[in-house]
Amino acid sequence: MIWNMNRAANCCPNLQNEGERQMENATKTNLFEDMPIPNAIRKLMIPTIISSLVMVVYSLADTYFVGLLNNPVQNAAVTLAAPALLAFNAVNNLFGVGSSSMMSRALGRGEHDTVRKSSAFGFYGALSFGIVLSLLCGVFFHPLLGMLGAEENTLAATADYMRWAVVCGAVPSIVNVVMAYLVRAEGAALHASIGTMSGCLLNLILDPIFILPWGLGMGAAGAGCATFLSNCVACVYFMALLYVKRGKTYVSIHPKDFKLQKEIVLGVFGVGIPASIQNLLNVTGMTILNNFAASYGADAVAAIGIAQKINMVPLQIALGGTQGSMPLISYSYASKNYKRMKEAIGYIAKLLLPTMSVVAACYWFGAGGLIGLFMKNPEIIRYGTMFLHAMSLSLPFLVADFLVVGVFQGFGMGKKALVFAILRKIVFEIPAIVVLNLVFGVNGLAYGAFVAEFMLSIIGITTLGKTIKDL
């Protein structure tokens, strides 16, 4: 009898896999359709926020351990390279945000073949773009350093960091983030977070070994090398996860599912391209800010870099909270369950806005002490306190802006998300940076972001309210 059962199972592996897939799908349906909103939001949001915070910790670790060298030039190298690393997010958004939005909406409509093809398109698109970026950065390495604001005293250290983190690190850095998006789109936020955190935690272990004199003593280059190796480990985790879950998941990286079908390409790029442009505008804004700061010396560049890293903690909470919840909003929108969708949006706002207001107050009053944790240089602490004060004022408005843009991406309304990106950087922030620098000097530099987020939140909330009402 046992032999017959085993024989039946071996003869019908497809039936067995389909049964497992149906059980897995029932669990996802419960999350998206039946689970109470607070529980569903927390299940999606908490792992994403935790993984985002771990990513911040490992990003702060680069700054912290390089800061222990007490060398502003080494610290400035990490800051100047930041826009290049941020540029990777343009590809992450193109294929990660675009594919995950397409996948969640397809799940809401019950189109499982579209889910598989969208995920395969996202994976191979990210892999291809990562290779191209790596090659371009290698070929145009020295002009790129000049564009980032590296000058004679910071050129060598910035180049050492960039070789590892950017030229070698482009592919694993992009692929592991996009794979996290693909896994999260199906509701598996915990697995997405574990994959991301595995690389981050390894980076925390490797940083002091690679950076500090008692270890390999590589300085800023060591931070880049540790980041490269950690991202490779994260990629391995996701590959292993999809292998173990084969037959139980609609996420696919199988070459046979990669097809350049018009509806897949347009669906992914319709959300992904605006999200990518939004990120490239962020890179442009950061590069302009760093170039203005460079005119005030290495201390100012190091200070603004430290302030930005500290500000990443609440920023990633806001981003993780909004992006982590988007699969539920996309699914509810696609299945026309607008009541559940509106409840989810309202719950996210009620949860995150008060949290960011409290963090903003803590940052305002504790700015000097927080900057001092990274470097004891009095001039850097003075600059950094000023920058962090300005950044803290933006936090409550930032939550509203992230939520509005995330919802439009979840709806598949990429053009509206793009309009907000253009308003934020081109219309508000970059002009504000230029004008405030002319009027107030270095004291006005960091307030450009506050002006942009304040104005955008007013426009965004009004537009989202009207869109939801029209539904």
Foldseek 3Di string as FASTA:
>chain_A
DVVVVVVVCVVCVLVVLLVLQVVLLVVLCCLQPPDPLVVSLCLLQVLLLVLLLLLLVLLVLLLQLLLVVVDLLLLLLSLLCVLLLLLLVLLLLLLLLLLLLQLLLCVLVVNLLLLALSLQQSQVSQQVVLQVQLVVCVVCVVVVSVLSQQDDSNSVSNSLLCVQQGNLQSNLSNNLSSLLSSCLSSVPNNLSSVLSNQLSVQSSVQQNQQPDPVHVNPRSNSSSNSNRVSSVSSNVSSVVVCVVCPSNDSNYNDPVSHDPDPVSSCSSNLQSNLSSVLSNLVSVLSSVLLNLQPVVPSLLSSLLSLLVSVLSSLVSSLLSSQLSCLSSLLSCVSNVVLVSNVVNLVVSLVPNLVVLLVVLVCCLVCQLVSSCSRHVPPSSSVSNNLLNNLSSLLRNLSSLLSNLLSSCSSNSNNVVSSVLSCQLRVVQQPVQQVVQCVVPNSSRNNNSNNRSSVVSSVVSVVVVVVVSVVD
